[in-house]
Amino acid sequence: TMMTRALSKAGINTTVDTNTASKFADHTEISSWALDGVYFMSSKGIIKGVGENNFGVKGNATREQAIVISGRSVNELKK
């Protein structure tokens, strides 16, 4: 969500239709304020969850995961 908000501020269109997005198995545990960010990043292949189609709502991102998310964001969304 933080990365999606930063990308939006940088002028990148981050809108996604969460109603038609492929849902994570633990979708109902994702906070409503985070849904747009989660599904935007997922739709771009930037985040892929923690396995078995779960997002891992209760977990924290590691430093390594944050680096991968940043790198994928740059590669996927560069103009």
PDB file of N, CA and C in Angstrom:
ATOM      1  N   THR A   1       0.823  -1.193   0.000  1.00  0.00           N
ATOM      2  CA  THR A   1       0.000   0.000   0.000  1.00  0.00           C
ATOM      3  C   THR A   1       0.867   1.257   0.000  1.00  0.00           C
ATOM      4  N   MET A   2       1.946   1.242   0.769  1.00  0.00           N
ATOM      5  CA  MET A   2       2.835   2.409   0.791  1.00  0.00           C
ATOM      6  C   MET A   2       3.436   2.655  -0.582  1.00  0.00           C
ATOM      7  N   MET A   3       3.891   1.598  -1.236  1.00  0.00           N
ATOM      8  CA  MET A   3       4.496   1.743  -2.559  1.00  0.00           C
ATOM      9  C   MET A   3       3.453   2.217  -3.570  1.00  0.00           C
ATOM     10  N   THR A   4       2.255   1.689  -3.495  1.00  0.00           N
ATOM     11  CA  THR A   4       1.189   2.105  -4.418  1.00  0.00           C
ATOM     12  C   THR A   4       0.878   3.584  -4.241  1.00  0.00           C
ATOM     13  N   ARG A   5       0.839   4.038  -3.016  1.00  0.00           N
ATOM     14  CA  ARG A   5       0.580   5.462  -2.762  1.00  0.00           C
ATOM     15  C   ARG A   5       1.712   6.334  -3.299  1.00  0.00           C
ATOM     16  N   ALA A   6       2.937   5.878  -3.138  1.00  0.00           N
ATOM     17  CA  ALA A   6       4.081   6.635  -3.669  1.00  0.00           C
ATOM     18  C   ALA A   6       4.025   6.689  -5.189  1.00  0.00           C
ATOM     19  N   LEU A   7       3.693   5.569  -5.816  1.00  0.00           N
ATOM     20  CA  LEU A   7       3.583   5.535  -7.275  1.00  0.00           C
ATOM     21  C   LEU A   7       2.479   6.462  -7.762  1.00  0.00           C
ATOM     22  N   SER A   8       1.370   6.478  -7.053  1.00  0.00           N
ATOM     23  CA  SER A   8       0.258   7.360  -7.410  1.00  0.00           C
ATOM     24  C   SER A   8       0.681   8.827  -7.324  1.00  0.00           C
ATOM     25  N   LYS A   9       1.408   9.179  -6.278  1.00  0.00           N
ATOM     26  CA  LYS A   9       1.901  10.553  -6.128  1.00  0.00           C
ATOM     27  C   LYS A   9       2.880  10.921  -7.236  1.00  0.00           C
ATOM     28  N   ALA A  10       3.555   9.902  -7.783  1.00  0.00           N
ATOM     29  CA  ALA A  10       4.504  10.135  -8.868  1.00  0.00           C
ATOM     30  C   ALA A  10       3.817  10.216 -10.227  1.00  0.00           C
ATOM     31  N   GLY A  11       2.489  10.114 -10.216  1.00  0.00           N
ATOM     32  CA  GLY A  11       1.732  10.270 -11.452  1.00  0.00           C
ATOM     33  C   GLY A  11       1.386   8.978 -12.178  1.00  0.00           C
ATOM     34  N   ILE A  12       1.643   7.845 -11.557  1.00  0.00           N
ATOM     35  CA  ILE A  12       1.315   6.563 -12.176  1.00  0.00           C
ATOM     36  C   ILE A  12      -0.112   6.182 -11.809  1.00  0.00           C
ATOM     37  N   ASN A  13      -0.871   5.774 -12.802  1.00  0.00           N
ATOM     38  CA  ASN A  13      -2.248   5.358 -12.565  1.00  0.00           C
ATOM     39  C   ASN A  13      -2.244   4.027 -11.829  1.00  0.00           C
ATOM     40  N   THR A  14      -2.715   4.020 -10.596  1.00  0.00           N
ATOM     41  CA  THR A  14      -2.716   2.816  -9.772  1.00  0.00           C
ATOM     42  C   THR A  14      -4.119   2.270  -9.526  1.00  0.00           C
ATOM     43  N   THR A  15      -5.071   2.710 -10.323  1.00  0.00           N
ATOM     44  CA  THR A  15      -6.431   2.224 -10.103  1.00  0.00           C
ATOM     45  C   THR A  15      -6.561   0.780 -10.578  1.00  0.00           C
ATOM     46  N   VAL A  16      -7.370   0.041  -9.869  1.00  0.00           N
ATOM     47  CA  VAL A  16      -7.654  -1.349 -10.203  1.00  0.00           C
ATOM     48  C   VAL A  16      -9.064  -1.663  -9.716  1.00  0.00           C
ATOM     49  N   ASP A  17      -9.764  -2.464 -10.471  1.00  0.00           N
ATOM     50  CA  ASP A  17     -11.116  -2.874 -10.068  1.00  0.00           C
ATOM     51  C   ASP A  17     -10.986  -4.077  -9.149  1.00  0.00           C
ATOM     52  N   THR A  18     -11.114  -3.847  -7.848  1.00  0.00           N
ATOM     53  CA  THR A  18     -10.952  -4.936  -6.885  1.00  0.00           C
ATOM     54  C   THR A  18     -12.075  -5.965  -6.983  1.00  0.00           C
ATOM     55  N   ASN A  19     -13.167  -5.606  -7.639  1.00  0.00           N
ATOM     56  CA  ASN A  19     -14.264  -6.563  -7.798  1.00  0.00           C
ATOM     57  C   ASN A  19     -13.935  -7.645  -8.820  1.00  0.00           C
ATOM     58  N   THR A  20     -13.114  -7.315  -9.806  1.00  0.00           N
ATOM     59  CA  THR A  20     -12.787  -8.287 -10.849  1.00  0.00           C
ATOM     60  C   THR A  20     -11.376  -8.859 -10.698  1.00  0.00           C
ATOM     61  N   ALA A  21     -10.616  -8.359  -9.730  1.00  0.00           N
ATOM     62  CA  ALA A  21      -9.250  -8.837  -9.519  1.00  0.00           C
ATOM     63  C   ALA A  21      -9.261 -10.270  -8.996  1.00  0.00           C
ATOM     64  N   SER A  22      -8.241 -11.008  -9.366  1.00  0.00           N
ATOM     65  CA  SER A  22      -8.066 -12.362  -8.850  1.00  0.00           C
ATOM     66  C   SER A  22      -7.780 -12.248  -7.358  1.00  0.00           C
ATOM     67  N   LYS A  23      -8.597 -12.864  -6.537  1.00  0.00           N
ATOM     68  CA  LYS A  23      -8.525 -12.696  -5.088  1.00  0.00           C
ATOM     69  C   LYS A  23      -7.564 -13.679  -4.429  1.00  0.00           C
ATOM     70  N   PHE A  24      -6.894 -13.200  -3.393  1.00  0.00           N
ATOM     71  CA  PHE A  24      -6.106 -14.066  -2.539  1.00  0.00           C
ATOM     72  C   PHE A  24      -7.061 -14.870  -1.668  1.00  0.00           C
ATOM     73  N   ALA A  25      -6.647 -16.051  -1.241  1.00  0.00           N
ATOM     74  CA  ALA A  25      -7.495 -16.908  -0.413  1.00  0.00           C
ATOM     75  C   ALA A  25      -7.844 -16.233   0.916  1.00  0.00           C
ATOM     76  N   ASP A  26      -6.946 -15.405   1.434  1.00  0.00           N
ATOM     77  CA  ASP A  26      -7.202 -14.701   2.694  1.00  0.00           C
ATOM     78  C   ASP A  26      -7.690 -13.267   2.463  1.00  0.00           C
ATOM     79  N   HIS A  27      -8.346 -13.055   1.345  1.00  0.00           N
ATOM     80  CA  HIS A  27      -8.862 -11.741   0.936  1.00  0.00           C
ATOM     81  C   HIS A  27      -9.679 -11.060   2.035  1.00  0.00           C
ATOM     82  N   THR A  28     -10.532 -11.805   2.709  1.00  0.00           N
ATOM     83  CA  THR A  28     -11.417 -11.196   3.709  1.00  0.00           C
ATOM     84  C   THR A  28     -10.649 -10.643   4.905  1.00  0.00           C
ATOM     85  N   GLU A  29      -9.393 -11.036   5.067  1.00  0.00           N
ATOM     86  CA  GLU A  29      -8.587 -10.537   6.179  1.00  0.00           C
ATOM     87  C   GLU A  29      -7.825  -9.255   5.819  1.00  0.00           C
ATOM     88  N   ILE A  30      -7.811  -8.886   4.541  1.00  0.00           N
ATOM     89  CA  ILE A  30      -7.114  -7.670   4.111  1.00  0.00           C
ATOM     90  C   ILE A  30      -7.971  -6.460   4.461  1.00  0.00           C
ATOM     91  N   SER A  31      -7.394  -5.489   5.140  1.00  0.00           N
ATOM     92  CA  SER A  31      -8.144  -4.289   5.526  1.00  0.00           C
ATOM     93  C   SER A  31      -8.648  -3.557   4.295  1.00  0.00           C
ATOM     94  N   SER A  32      -9.827  -2.976   4.409  1.00  0.00           N
ATOM     95  CA  SER A  32     -10.452  -2.300   3.270  1.00  0.00           C
ATOM     96  C   SER A  32      -9.569  -1.174   2.725  1.00  0.00           C
ATOM     97  N   TRP A  33      -8.827  -0.476   3.606  1.00  0.00           N
ATOM     98  CA  TRP A  33      -7.977   0.625   3.156  1.00  0.00           C
ATOM     99  C   TRP A  33      -6.783   0.133   2.349  1.00  0.00           C
ATOM    100  N   ALA A  34      -6.457  -1.159   2.456  1.00  0.00           N
ATOM    101  CA  ALA A  34      -5.285  -1.701   1.762  1.00  0.00           C
ATOM    102  C   ALA A  34      -5.643  -2.441   0.472  1.00  0.00           C
ATOM    103  N   LEU A  35      -6.917  -2.714   0.241  1.00  0.00           N
ATOM    104  CA  LEU A  35      -7.322  -3.530  -0.905  1.00  0.00           C
ATOM    105  C   LEU A  35      -6.822  -2.989  -2.239  1.00  0.00           C
ATOM    106  N   ASP A  36      -6.998  -1.704  -2.488  1.00  0.00           N
ATOM    107  CA  ASP A  36      -6.567  -1.131  -3.766  1.00  0.00           C
ATOM    108  C   ASP A  36      -5.071  -1.332  -3.996  1.00  0.00           C
ATOM    109  N   GLY A  37      -4.271  -1.069  -2.987  1.00  0.00           N
ATOM    110  CA  GLY A  37      -2.827  -1.227  -3.112  1.00  0.00           C
ATOM    111  C   GLY A  37      -2.426  -2.674  -3.323  1.00  0.00           C
ATOM    112  N   VAL A  38      -3.007  -3.560  -2.557  1.00  0.00           N
ATOM    113  CA  VAL A  38      -2.682  -4.987  -2.671  1.00  0.00           C
ATOM    114  C   VAL A  38      -3.015  -5.495  -4.061  1.00  0.00           C
ATOM    115  N   TYR A  39      -4.207  -5.189  -4.542  1.00  0.00           N
ATOM    116  CA  TYR A  39      -4.623  -5.737  -5.828  1.00  0.00           C
ATOM    117  C   TYR A  39      -4.013  -5.019  -7.025  1.00  0.00           C
ATOM    118  N   PHE A  40      -3.615  -3.763  -6.864  1.00  0.00           N
ATOM    119  CA  PHE A  40      -2.866  -3.110  -7.937  1.00  0.00           C
ATOM    120  C   PHE A  40      -1.514  -3.789  -8.090  1.00  0.00           C
ATOM    121  N   MET A  41      -0.805  -3.931  -6.986  1.00  0.00           N
ATOM    122  CA  MET A  41       0.521  -4.554  -7.028  1.00  0.00           C
ATOM    123  C   MET A  41       0.436  -6.001  -7.502  1.00  0.00           C
ATOM    124  N   SER A  42      -0.589  -6.697  -7.093  1.00  0.00           N
ATOM    125  CA  SER A  42      -0.774  -8.086  -7.528  1.00  0.00           C
ATOM    126  C   SER A  42      -1.070  -8.153  -9.022  1.00  0.00           C
ATOM    127  N   SER A  43      -1.890  -7.237  -9.526  1.00  0.00           N
ATOM    128  CA  SER A  43      -2.258  -7.248 -10.951  1.00  0.00           C
ATOM    129  C   SER A  43      -1.052  -6.992 -11.845  1.00  0.00           C
ATOM    130  N   LYS A  44      -0.047  -6.307 -11.318  1.00  0.00           N
ATOM    131  CA  LYS A  44       1.171  -6.012 -12.069  1.00  0.00           C
ATOM    132  C   LYS A  44       2.246  -7.072 -11.874  1.00  0.00           C
ATOM    133  N   GLY A  45       1.977  -8.078 -11.032  1.00  0.00           N
ATOM    134  CA  GLY A  45       2.956  -9.124 -10.773  1.00  0.00           C
ATOM    135  C   GLY A  45       4.061  -8.695  -9.822  1.00  0.00           C
ATOM    136  N   ILE A  46       3.855  -7.589  -9.136  1.00  0.00           N
ATOM    137  CA  ILE A  46       4.877  -7.064  -8.234  1.00  0.00           C
ATOM    138  C   ILE A  46       4.868  -7.825  -6.913  1.00  0.00           C
ATOM    139  N   ILE A  47       3.679  -8.146  -6.424  1.00  0.00           N
ATOM    140  CA  ILE A  47       3.566  -9.012  -5.250  1.00  0.00           C
ATOM    141  C   ILE A  47       2.835 -10.272  -5.668  1.00  0.00           C
ATOM    142  N   LYS A  48       3.199 -11.360  -5.017  1.00  0.00           N
ATOM    143  CA  LYS A  48       2.624 -12.646  -5.399  1.00  0.00           C
ATOM    144  C   LYS A  48       2.084 -13.429  -4.221  1.00  0.00           C
ATOM    145  N   GLY A  49       2.160 -12.868  -3.037  1.00  0.00           N
ATOM    146  CA  GLY A  49       1.682 -13.554  -1.852  1.00  0.00           C
ATOM    147  C   GLY A  49       2.751 -14.435  -1.236  1.00  0.00           C
ATOM    148  N   VAL A  50       2.337 -15.211  -0.244  1.00  0.00           N
ATOM    149  CA  VAL A  50       3.281 -16.019   0.522  1.00  0.00           C
ATOM    150  C   VAL A  50       3.152 -17.510   0.246  1.00  0.00           C
ATOM    151  N   GLY A  51       2.358 -17.866  -0.719  1.00  0.00           N
ATOM    152  CA  GLY A  51       2.164 -19.271  -1.064  1.00  0.00           C
ATOM    153  C   GLY A  51       0.731 -19.708  -0.859  1.00  0.00           C
ATOM    154  N   GLU A  52       0.350 -20.746  -1.567  1.00  0.00           N
ATOM    155  CA  GLU A  52      -1.004 -21.292  -1.488  1.00  0.00           C
ATOM    156  C   GLU A  52      -2.067 -20.217  -1.685  1.00  0.00           C
ATOM    157  N   ASN A  53      -1.778 -19.251  -2.566  1.00  0.00           N
ATOM    158  CA  ASN A  53      -2.680 -18.149  -2.895  1.00  0.00           C
ATOM    159  C   ASN A  53      -3.061 -17.292  -1.690  1.00  0.00           C
ATOM    160  N   ASN A  54      -2.197 -17.207  -0.702  1.00  0.00           N
ATOM    161  CA  ASN A  54      -2.433 -16.351   0.456  1.00  0.00           C
ATOM    162  C   ASN A  54      -1.567 -15.110   0.363  1.00  0.00           C
ATOM    163  N   PHE A  55      -2.125 -13.994   0.789  1.00  0.00           N
ATOM    164  CA  PHE A  55      -1.380 -12.745   0.831  1.00  0.00           C
ATOM    165  C   PHE A  55      -0.477 -12.694   2.061  1.00  0.00           C
ATOM    166  N   GLY A  56      -0.933 -13.256   3.153  1.00  0.00           N
ATOM    167  CA  GLY A  56      -0.149 -13.226   4.394  1.00  0.00           C
ATOM    168  C   GLY A  56      -0.402 -11.962   5.180  1.00  0.00           C
ATOM    169  N   VAL A  57      -1.657 -11.686   5.421  1.00  0.00           N
ATOM    170  CA  VAL A  57      -2.082 -10.433   6.039  1.00  0.00           C
ATOM    171  C   VAL A  57      -1.422 -10.182   7.390  1.00  0.00           C
ATOM    172  N   LYS A  58      -1.265 -11.188   8.169  1.00  0.00           N
ATOM    173  CA  LYS A  58      -0.757 -11.014   9.528  1.00  0.00           C
ATOM    174  C   LYS A  58       0.768 -10.944   9.595  1.00  0.00           C
ATOM    175  N   GLY A  59       1.439 -11.194   8.491  1.00  0.00           N
ATOM    176  CA  GLY A  59       2.898 -11.173   8.479  1.00  0.00           C
ATOM    177  C   GLY A  59       3.456  -9.790   8.202  1.00  0.00           C
ATOM    178  N   ASN A  60       4.738  -9.659   8.412  1.00  0.00           N
ATOM    179  CA  ASN A  60       5.458  -8.426   8.101  1.00  0.00           C
ATOM    180  C   ASN A  60       6.381  -8.688   6.921  1.00  0.00           C
ATOM    181  N   ALA A  61       6.563  -7.690   6.088  1.00  0.00           N
ATOM    182  CA  ALA A  61       7.499  -7.826   4.970  1.00  0.00           C
ATOM    183  C   ALA A  61       8.920  -7.776   5.511  1.00  0.00           C
ATOM    184  N   THR A  62       9.754  -8.660   5.013  1.00  0.00           N
ATOM    185  CA  THR A  62      11.166  -8.637   5.394  1.00  0.00           C
ATOM    186  C   THR A  62      11.878  -7.553   4.586  1.00  0.00           C
ATOM    187  N   ARG A  63      13.099  -7.263   4.953  1.00  0.00           N
ATOM    188  CA  ARG A  63      13.896  -6.309   4.175  1.00  0.00           C
ATOM    189  C   ARG A  63      14.064  -6.808   2.745  1.00  0.00           C
ATOM    190  N   GLU A  64      14.297  -8.103   2.634  1.00  0.00           N
ATOM    191  CA  GLU A  64      14.493  -8.694   1.315  1.00  0.00           C
ATOM    192  C   GLU A  64      13.239  -8.555   0.455  1.00  0.00           C
ATOM    193  N   GLN A  65      12.077  -8.794   1.057  1.00  0.00           N
ATOM    194  CA  GLN A  65      10.821  -8.651   0.313  1.00  0.00           C
ATOM    195  C   GLN A  65      10.594  -7.201  -0.104  1.00  0.00           C
ATOM    196  N   ALA A  66      10.921  -6.257   0.760  1.00  0.00           N
ATOM    197  CA  ALA A  66      10.771  -4.840   0.421  1.00  0.00           C
ATOM    198  C   ALA A  66      11.671  -4.461  -0.746  1.00  0.00           C
ATOM    199  N   ILE A  67      12.891  -5.009  -0.773  1.00  0.00           N
ATOM    200  CA  ILE A  67      13.806  -4.738  -1.888  1.00  0.00           C
ATOM    201  C   ILE A  67      13.253  -5.316  -3.181  1.00  0.00           C
ATOM    202  N   VAL A  68      12.722  -6.529  -3.118  1.00  0.00           N
ATOM    203  CA  VAL A  68      12.155  -7.167  -4.303  1.00  0.00           C
ATOM    204  C   VAL A  68      10.951  -6.376  -4.806  1.00  0.00           C
ATOM    205  N   ILE A  69      10.085  -5.942  -3.901  1.00  0.00           N
ATOM    206  CA  ILE A  69       8.909  -5.142  -4.294  1.00  0.00           C
ATOM    207  C   ILE A  69       9.352  -3.848  -4.964  1.00  0.00           C
ATOM    208  N   SER A  70      10.354  -3.193  -4.399  1.00  0.00           N
ATOM    209  CA  SER A  70      10.863  -1.947  -4.990  1.00  0.00           C
ATOM    210  C   SER A  70      11.430  -2.203  -6.379  1.00  0.00           C
ATOM    211  N   GLY A  71      12.253  -3.228  -6.512  1.00  0.00           N
ATOM    212  CA  GLY A  71      12.843  -3.545  -7.800  1.00  0.00           C
ATOM    213  C   GLY A  71      11.820  -3.918  -8.842  1.00  0.00           C
ATOM    214  N   ARG A  72      10.864  -4.749  -8.473  1.00  0.00           N
ATOM    215  CA  ARG A  72       9.797  -5.123  -9.413  1.00  0.00           C
ATOM    216  C   ARG A  72       8.968  -3.914  -9.819  1.00  0.00           C
ATOM    217  N   SER A  73       8.732  -3.006  -8.864  1.00  0.00           N
ATOM    218  CA  SER A  73       7.964  -1.801  -9.180  1.00  0.00           C
ATOM    219  C   SER A  73       8.667  -0.970 -10.237  1.00  0.00           C
ATOM    220  N   VAL A  74       9.958  -0.779 -10.053  1.00  0.00           N
ATOM    221  CA  VAL A  74      10.737  -0.001 -11.023  1.00  0.00           C
ATOM    222  C   VAL A  74      10.721  -0.679 -12.380  1.00  0.00           C
ATOM    223  N   ASN A  75      10.990  -1.974 -12.404  1.00  0.00           N
ATOM    224  CA  ASN A  75      11.037  -2.695 -13.684  1.00  0.00           C
ATOM    225  C   ASN A  75       9.696  -2.740 -14.390  1.00  0.00           C
ATOM    226  N   GLU A  76       8.635  -2.940 -13.632  1.00  0.00           N
ATOM    227  CA  GLU A  76       7.307  -3.078 -14.224  1.00  0.00           C
ATOM    228  C   GLU A  76       6.719  -1.744 -14.648  1.00  0.00           C
ATOM    229  N   LEU A  77       7.017  -0.694 -13.915  1.00  0.00           N
ATOM    230  CA  LEU A  77       6.310   0.576 -14.111  1.00  0.00           C
ATOM    231  C   LEU A  77       7.171   1.703 -14.673  1.00  0.00           C
ATOM    232  N   LYS A  78       8.393   1.414 -15.077  1.00  0.00           N
ATOM    233  CA  LYS A  78       9.230   2.485 -15.615  1.00  0.00           C
ATOM    234  C   LYS A  78       8.610   3.028 -16.904  1.00  0.00           C
ATOM    235  N   LYS A  79       8.781   4.314 -17.100  1.00  0.00           N
ATOM    236  CA  LYS A  79       8.148   4.986 -18.240  1.00  0.00           C
ATOM    237  C   LYS A  79       9.063   4.995 -19.427  1.00  0.00           C
TER     238      LYS A  79
END
